């Protein structure tokens, strides 16, 4: 296991050494955990790696693509209501 001494600023900021960030996939944000041994930094899981209940609903799409699909469907439904077609 690698170790490094880092400086902590007055604001409580510390720099994670580049090799450690790269090795563990830490980007611009990290999860900070308070443990019995001390502070533990973990990379944030990527949404594509999550296996939550909604994962199948996205089917490989980005959230922007999903929102676009929903907005198009809602727009189509609203147009039908405005034209007197009732709820489709």
N, C-alpha and C. Protein backbone atom coordinates (compact mmCIF):
# COMPACT_ATOMS: atom_id res chain seq x y z
N UNK A 1 0.84 -1.17 0.00
CA UNK A 1 0.00 0.00 0.00
C UNK A 1 0.89 1.24 0.00
N UNK A 2 0.57 2.18 -0.86
CA UNK A 2 1.37 3.40 -0.98
C UNK A 2 0.97 4.41 0.09
N UNK A 3 1.91 5.19 0.52
CA UNK A 3 1.67 6.26 1.48
C UNK A 3 2.31 7.53 0.96
N UNK A 4 1.77 8.66 1.38
CA UNK A 4 2.35 9.95 1.01
C UNK A 4 2.01 10.95 2.11
N UNK A 5 2.91 11.88 2.34
CA UNK A 5 2.65 12.97 3.27
C UNK A 5 2.20 14.15 2.43
N UNK A 6 1.06 14.73 2.81
CA UNK A 6 0.54 15.89 2.08
C UNK A 6 0.33 17.03 3.06
N UNK A 7 0.32 18.24 2.55
CA UNK A 7 0.08 19.42 3.36
C UNK A 7 -1.41 19.70 3.39
N UNK A 8 -1.92 20.05 4.56
CA UNK A 8 -3.32 20.43 4.70
C UNK A 8 -3.36 21.93 4.92
N UNK A 9 -4.12 22.65 4.09
CA UNK A 9 -4.20 24.11 4.21
C UNK A 9 -5.07 24.51 5.40
N UNK A 10 -5.08 25.80 5.69
CA UNK A 10 -5.93 26.31 6.79
C UNK A 10 -7.39 26.04 6.51
N UNK A 11 -7.76 25.93 5.25
CA UNK A 11 -9.15 25.65 4.88
C UNK A 11 -9.46 24.16 4.90
N UNK A 12 -8.48 23.34 5.26
CA UNK A 12 -8.70 21.90 5.34
C UNK A 12 -8.53 21.18 4.01
N UNK A 13 -7.92 21.84 3.04
CA UNK A 13 -7.72 21.24 1.73
C UNK A 13 -6.38 20.53 1.66
N UNK A 14 -6.39 19.35 1.03
CA UNK A 14 -5.16 18.58 0.81
C UNK A 14 -5.16 18.10 -0.63
N UNK A 15 -3.98 18.00 -1.21
CA UNK A 15 -3.86 17.52 -2.58
C UNK A 15 -3.55 16.03 -2.56
N UNK A 16 -4.35 15.26 -3.29
CA UNK A 16 -4.10 13.82 -3.41
C UNK A 16 -3.05 13.66 -4.51
N UNK A 17 -1.96 12.96 -4.24
CA UNK A 17 -0.92 12.80 -5.26
C UNK A 17 -1.48 12.21 -6.57
N UNK A 18 -0.96 12.71 -7.69
CA UNK A 18 -1.45 12.35 -9.01
C UNK A 18 -1.49 10.84 -9.24
N UNK A 19 -0.44 10.14 -8.89
CA UNK A 19 -0.41 8.69 -9.11
C UNK A 19 -1.54 7.98 -8.37
N UNK A 20 -1.85 8.44 -7.17
CA UNK A 20 -2.94 7.84 -6.40
C UNK A 20 -4.30 8.16 -7.02
N UNK A 21 -4.47 9.43 -7.47
CA UNK A 21 -5.74 9.79 -8.14
C UNK A 21 -5.95 8.94 -9.38
N UNK A 22 -4.91 8.78 -10.17
CA UNK A 22 -5.02 7.99 -11.40
C UNK A 22 -5.28 6.52 -11.09
N UNK A 23 -4.57 5.98 -10.13
CA UNK A 23 -4.71 4.56 -9.78
C UNK A 23 -6.13 4.23 -9.31
N UNK A 24 -6.74 5.15 -8.57
CA UNK A 24 -8.05 4.89 -8.00
C UNK A 24 -9.20 5.55 -8.75
N UNK A 25 -8.89 6.22 -9.86
CA UNK A 25 -9.94 6.83 -10.67
C UNK A 25 -10.65 8.00 -10.01
N UNK A 26 -9.91 8.77 -9.23
CA UNK A 26 -10.51 9.93 -8.57
C UNK A 26 -10.41 11.12 -9.50
N UNK A 27 -11.58 11.70 -9.81
CA UNK A 27 -11.64 12.86 -10.70
C UNK A 27 -11.76 14.14 -9.90
N UNK A 28 -12.71 14.99 -10.29
CA UNK A 28 -12.86 16.29 -9.64
C UNK A 28 -13.56 16.19 -8.29
N UNK A 29 -14.25 15.07 -8.03
CA UNK A 29 -14.93 14.90 -6.75
C UNK A 29 -14.63 13.51 -6.20
N UNK A 30 -14.69 13.38 -4.88
CA UNK A 30 -14.45 12.10 -4.23
C UNK A 30 -15.39 11.98 -3.04
N UNK A 31 -15.67 10.76 -2.66
CA UNK A 31 -16.48 10.49 -1.48
C UNK A 31 -15.54 10.45 -0.28
N UNK A 32 -15.87 11.18 0.79
CA UNK A 32 -15.05 11.22 2.00
C UNK A 32 -15.80 10.48 3.10
N UNK A 33 -15.13 9.49 3.70
CA UNK A 33 -15.72 8.69 4.76
C UNK A 33 -14.92 8.86 6.04
N UNK A 34 -15.61 9.02 7.15
CA UNK A 34 -14.98 9.09 8.47
C UNK A 34 -14.96 7.68 9.03
N UNK A 35 -13.79 7.09 9.21
CA UNK A 35 -13.67 5.73 9.72
C UNK A 35 -12.94 5.74 11.06
N UNK A 36 -12.90 4.58 11.71
CA UNK A 36 -12.18 4.46 12.98
C UNK A 36 -10.68 4.72 12.80
N UNK A 37 -10.15 4.38 11.63
CA UNK A 37 -8.72 4.57 11.35
C UNK A 37 -8.38 5.97 10.91
N UNK A 38 -9.37 6.73 10.43
CA UNK A 38 -9.12 8.07 9.94
C UNK A 38 -10.04 8.40 8.77
N UNK A 39 -9.60 9.32 7.95
CA UNK A 39 -10.39 9.76 6.79
C UNK A 39 -10.07 8.86 5.61
N UNK A 40 -11.11 8.40 4.92
CA UNK A 40 -10.96 7.54 3.75
C UNK A 40 -11.57 8.24 2.56
N UNK A 41 -10.80 8.38 1.48
CA UNK A 41 -11.30 8.98 0.24
C UNK A 41 -11.57 7.86 -0.75
N UNK A 42 -12.73 7.93 -1.41
CA UNK A 42 -13.09 6.93 -2.41
C UNK A 42 -13.54 7.64 -3.68
N UNK A 43 -13.29 7.03 -4.85
CA UNK A 43 -13.81 7.63 -6.07
C UNK A 43 -15.33 7.52 -6.08
N UNK A 44 -15.99 8.50 -6.69
CA UNK A 44 -17.44 8.42 -6.83
C UNK A 44 -17.76 7.39 -7.89
N UNK A 45 -18.75 6.55 -7.66
CA UNK A 45 -19.12 5.58 -8.69
C UNK A 45 -19.73 6.31 -9.89
N UNK A 46 -19.44 5.84 -11.09
CA UNK A 46 -20.04 6.47 -12.26
C UNK A 46 -21.46 5.96 -12.40
N UNK A 47 -22.38 6.80 -12.88
CA UNK A 47 -23.77 6.36 -13.04
C UNK A 47 -23.90 5.12 -13.91
N UNK A 48 -23.01 4.95 -14.89
CA UNK A 48 -23.10 3.78 -15.77
C UNK A 48 -22.75 2.50 -15.04
N UNK A 49 -22.02 2.61 -13.91
CA UNK A 49 -21.65 1.43 -13.14
C UNK A 49 -22.70 1.08 -12.08
N UNK A 50 -23.60 2.01 -11.81
CA UNK A 50 -24.62 1.77 -10.80
C UNK A 50 -25.57 0.68 -11.27
N UNK A 51 -26.06 -0.09 -10.34
CA UNK A 51 -26.97 -1.17 -10.67
C UNK A 51 -28.30 -0.96 -9.96
N UNK A 52 -28.72 0.30 -9.88
CA UNK A 52 -29.96 0.63 -9.19
C UNK A 52 -31.20 0.20 -9.96
N UNK A 53 -32.35 0.39 -9.36
CA UNK A 53 -33.59 -0.07 -9.94
C UNK A 53 -33.97 0.64 -11.23
N UNK A 54 -33.43 1.83 -11.48
CA UNK A 54 -33.77 2.57 -12.70
C UNK A 54 -32.79 2.34 -13.84
N UNK A 55 -31.75 1.58 -13.61
CA UNK A 55 -30.73 1.40 -14.64
C UNK A 55 -31.32 0.88 -15.95
N UNK A 56 -32.22 -0.08 -15.86
CA UNK A 56 -32.81 -0.66 -17.08
C UNK A 56 -33.67 0.36 -17.82
N UNK A 57 -34.20 1.35 -17.12
CA UNK A 57 -35.03 2.37 -17.76
C UNK A 57 -34.20 3.26 -18.69
N UNK A 58 -32.93 3.42 -18.39
CA UNK A 58 -32.08 4.29 -19.20
C UNK A 58 -31.56 3.59 -20.44
N UNK A 59 -31.40 2.30 -20.43
CA UNK A 59 -30.99 1.50 -21.59
C UNK A 59 -29.79 2.10 -22.32
N UNK A 60 -28.76 2.47 -21.57
CA UNK A 60 -27.55 2.99 -22.18
C UNK A 60 -27.62 4.45 -22.61
N UNK A 61 -28.70 5.14 -22.28
CA UNK A 61 -28.86 6.54 -22.66
C UNK A 61 -28.35 7.44 -21.55
N UNK A 62 -27.94 8.64 -21.93
CA UNK A 62 -27.56 9.63 -20.93
C UNK A 62 -28.84 10.23 -20.34
N UNK A 63 -28.71 10.90 -19.20
CA UNK A 63 -29.88 11.54 -18.59
C UNK A 63 -30.45 12.61 -19.52
N UNK A 64 -29.59 13.27 -20.28
CA UNK A 64 -30.05 14.29 -21.22
C UNK A 64 -30.91 13.66 -22.32
N UNK A 65 -30.51 12.49 -22.82
CA UNK A 65 -31.29 11.80 -23.84
C UNK A 65 -32.63 11.33 -23.28
N UNK A 66 -32.63 10.81 -22.06
CA UNK A 66 -33.87 10.35 -21.44
C UNK A 66 -34.82 11.52 -21.26
N UNK A 67 -34.31 12.66 -20.76
CA UNK A 67 -35.16 13.84 -20.57
C UNK A 67 -35.71 14.34 -21.91
N UNK A 68 -34.91 14.28 -22.95
CA UNK A 68 -35.39 14.68 -24.28
C UNK A 68 -36.54 13.79 -24.73
N UNK A 69 -36.42 12.48 -24.52
CA UNK A 69 -37.49 11.55 -24.88
C UNK A 69 -38.77 11.87 -24.11
N UNK A 70 -38.64 12.13 -22.81
CA UNK A 70 -39.79 12.43 -21.98
C UNK A 70 -40.45 13.74 -22.42
N UNK A 71 -39.63 14.74 -22.71
CA UNK A 71 -40.19 16.03 -23.14
C UNK A 71 -40.90 15.92 -24.47
N UNK A 72 -40.36 15.12 -25.41
CA UNK A 72 -41.02 14.93 -26.70
C UNK A 72 -42.36 14.22 -26.51
N UNK A 73 -42.39 13.20 -25.68
CA UNK A 73 -43.64 12.47 -25.42
C UNK A 73 -44.67 13.38 -24.76
N UNK A 74 -44.24 14.19 -23.82
CA UNK A 74 -45.15 15.12 -23.14
C UNK A 74 -45.68 16.17 -24.11
N UNK A 75 -44.82 16.66 -24.99
CA UNK A 75 -45.23 17.65 -25.97
C UNK A 75 -46.27 17.06 -26.93
N UNK A 76 -46.05 15.83 -27.35
CA UNK A 76 -47.00 15.15 -28.24
C UNK A 76 -48.36 14.99 -27.53
N UNK A 77 -48.33 14.60 -26.26
CA UNK A 77 -49.56 14.42 -25.50
C UNK A 77 -50.30 15.74 -25.35
N UNK A 78 -49.56 16.83 -25.05
CA UNK A 78 -50.19 18.14 -24.89
C UNK A 78 -50.80 18.62 -26.20
N UNK A 79 -50.14 18.39 -27.31
CA UNK A 79 -50.69 18.78 -28.62
C UNK A 79 -52.01 18.06 -28.88
N UNK A 80 -52.04 16.77 -28.51
CA UNK A 80 -53.28 16.00 -28.69
C UNK A 80 -54.40 16.56 -27.84
N UNK A 81 -54.11 16.97 -26.63
CA UNK A 81 -55.12 17.55 -25.75
C UNK A 81 -55.63 18.88 -26.29
N UNK A 82 -54.70 19.69 -26.80
CA UNK A 82 -55.08 21.01 -27.34
C UNK A 82 -55.93 20.88 -28.59
N UNK A 83 -55.72 19.82 -29.36
CA UNK A 83 -56.48 19.61 -30.59
C UNK A 83 -57.80 18.92 -30.32
N UNK A 84 -58.09 18.66 -29.04
CA UNK A 84 -59.36 18.05 -28.68
C UNK A 84 -59.36 16.54 -28.78
N UNK A 85 -58.20 15.97 -28.85
CA UNK A 85 -58.11 14.52 -28.99
C UNK A 85 -58.24 13.76 -27.69
N UNK A 86 -58.36 14.46 -26.59
CA UNK A 86 -58.46 13.79 -25.29
C UNK A 86 -57.12 13.29 -24.83
N UNK A 87 -57.13 12.53 -23.77
CA UNK A 87 -55.90 11.99 -23.19
C UNK A 87 -55.50 10.73 -23.94
N UNK A 88 -54.31 10.73 -24.52
CA UNK A 88 -53.89 9.57 -25.31
C UNK A 88 -53.08 8.64 -24.51
